[in-house]
């Protein structure tokens, strides 16, 4: 399914080859808000960008009602 089929309107779609390249594009284009469902993609996002992490069965345990993170993407406090 593509964005238009889902009713998502956009002016431009930018495809990249790596998570780090996503962060570079955000800086170059002055992105202020970023949405994703993979915590790994958020590590290089600049602090000037507001981030929204969508829950799905791959990153959230709906039965236990807890986020699922690795040592690479999370730190327990």
Protein backbone atom coordinates (compact mmCIF):
# COMPACT_ATOMS: atom_id res chain seq x y z
CA UNK A 1 0.00 0.00 0.00
CA UNK A 2 1.37 3.45 -0.80
CA UNK A 3 0.90 6.85 0.84
CA UNK A 4 -1.81 8.05 -1.55
CA UNK A 5 -3.87 4.88 -0.99
CA UNK A 6 -3.66 5.58 2.75
CA UNK A 7 -4.84 9.16 2.22
CA UNK A 8 -1.53 10.65 3.36
CA UNK A 9 -0.86 13.97 1.67
CA UNK A 10 2.71 15.09 1.04
CA UNK A 11 4.65 17.59 -1.03
CA UNK A 12 7.82 15.58 -1.39
CA UNK A 13 9.01 12.07 -0.58
CA UNK A 14 12.72 11.59 0.17
CA UNK A 15 14.18 8.08 0.21
CA UNK A 16 17.54 7.35 1.86
CA UNK A 17 19.88 4.38 2.19
CA UNK A 18 20.68 4.52 5.92
CA UNK A 19 19.45 5.75 9.28
CA UNK A 20 22.33 8.23 9.47
CA UNK A 21 21.40 9.62 6.08
CA UNK A 22 17.89 10.31 7.41
CA UNK A 23 19.37 12.60 10.05
CA UNK A 24 21.48 14.40 7.42
CA UNK A 25 18.41 15.03 5.28
CA UNK A 26 16.55 16.40 8.32
CA UNK A 27 19.32 18.91 8.99
CA UNK A 28 19.67 19.88 5.31
CA UNK A 29 15.92 20.44 4.90
CA UNK A 30 15.20 21.98 8.29
CA UNK A 31 12.82 19.23 9.42
CA UNK A 32 11.11 20.13 12.70
CA UNK A 33 8.99 17.00 13.36
CA UNK A 34 9.83 13.37 12.56
CA UNK A 35 7.65 10.27 12.93
CA UNK A 36 8.88 6.66 12.85
CA UNK A 37 8.21 3.26 14.40
CA UNK A 38 11.82 2.09 14.76
CA UNK A 39 13.82 3.40 17.74
CA UNK A 40 17.06 2.67 15.84
CA UNK A 41 16.24 5.42 13.34
CA UNK A 42 16.03 8.04 16.07
CA UNK A 43 19.56 7.86 17.46
CA UNK A 44 21.12 10.33 15.02
CA UNK A 45 18.18 12.73 14.84
CA UNK A 46 19.27 16.19 16.02
CA UNK A 47 17.85 17.50 19.30
CA UNK A 48 16.21 20.34 17.35
CA UNK A 49 13.78 17.83 15.79
CA UNK A 50 10.65 16.78 17.69
CA UNK A 51 10.29 12.99 17.47
CA UNK A 52 7.16 10.82 17.63
CA UNK A 53 7.59 7.06 17.98
CA UNK A 54 4.59 5.04 16.81
CA UNK A 55 3.83 1.83 18.68
CA UNK A 56 3.47 -1.44 16.80
CA UNK A 57 3.88 -5.12 17.57
CA UNK A 58 7.60 -4.87 16.80
CA UNK A 59 8.45 -2.19 19.37
CA UNK A 60 5.71 -2.41 22.01
CA UNK A 61 4.40 -5.39 24.00
CA UNK A 62 0.68 -4.67 24.13
CA UNK A 63 0.05 -7.50 26.61
CA UNK A 64 2.64 -6.21 29.14
CA UNK A 65 2.07 -2.56 28.07
CA UNK A 66 5.82 -1.92 27.81
CA UNK A 67 8.18 -0.66 25.12
CA UNK A 68 10.61 -3.22 23.74
CA UNK A 69 14.09 -1.74 23.44
CA UNK A 70 17.58 -3.09 23.06
CA UNK A 71 20.70 -1.93 24.91
CA UNK A 72 21.53 -0.09 21.70
CA UNK A 73 18.31 1.96 21.66
CA UNK A 74 17.34 2.35 25.30
CA UNK A 75 18.61 2.94 28.80
CA UNK A 76 16.73 1.99 31.92
CA UNK A 77 16.47 4.69 34.58
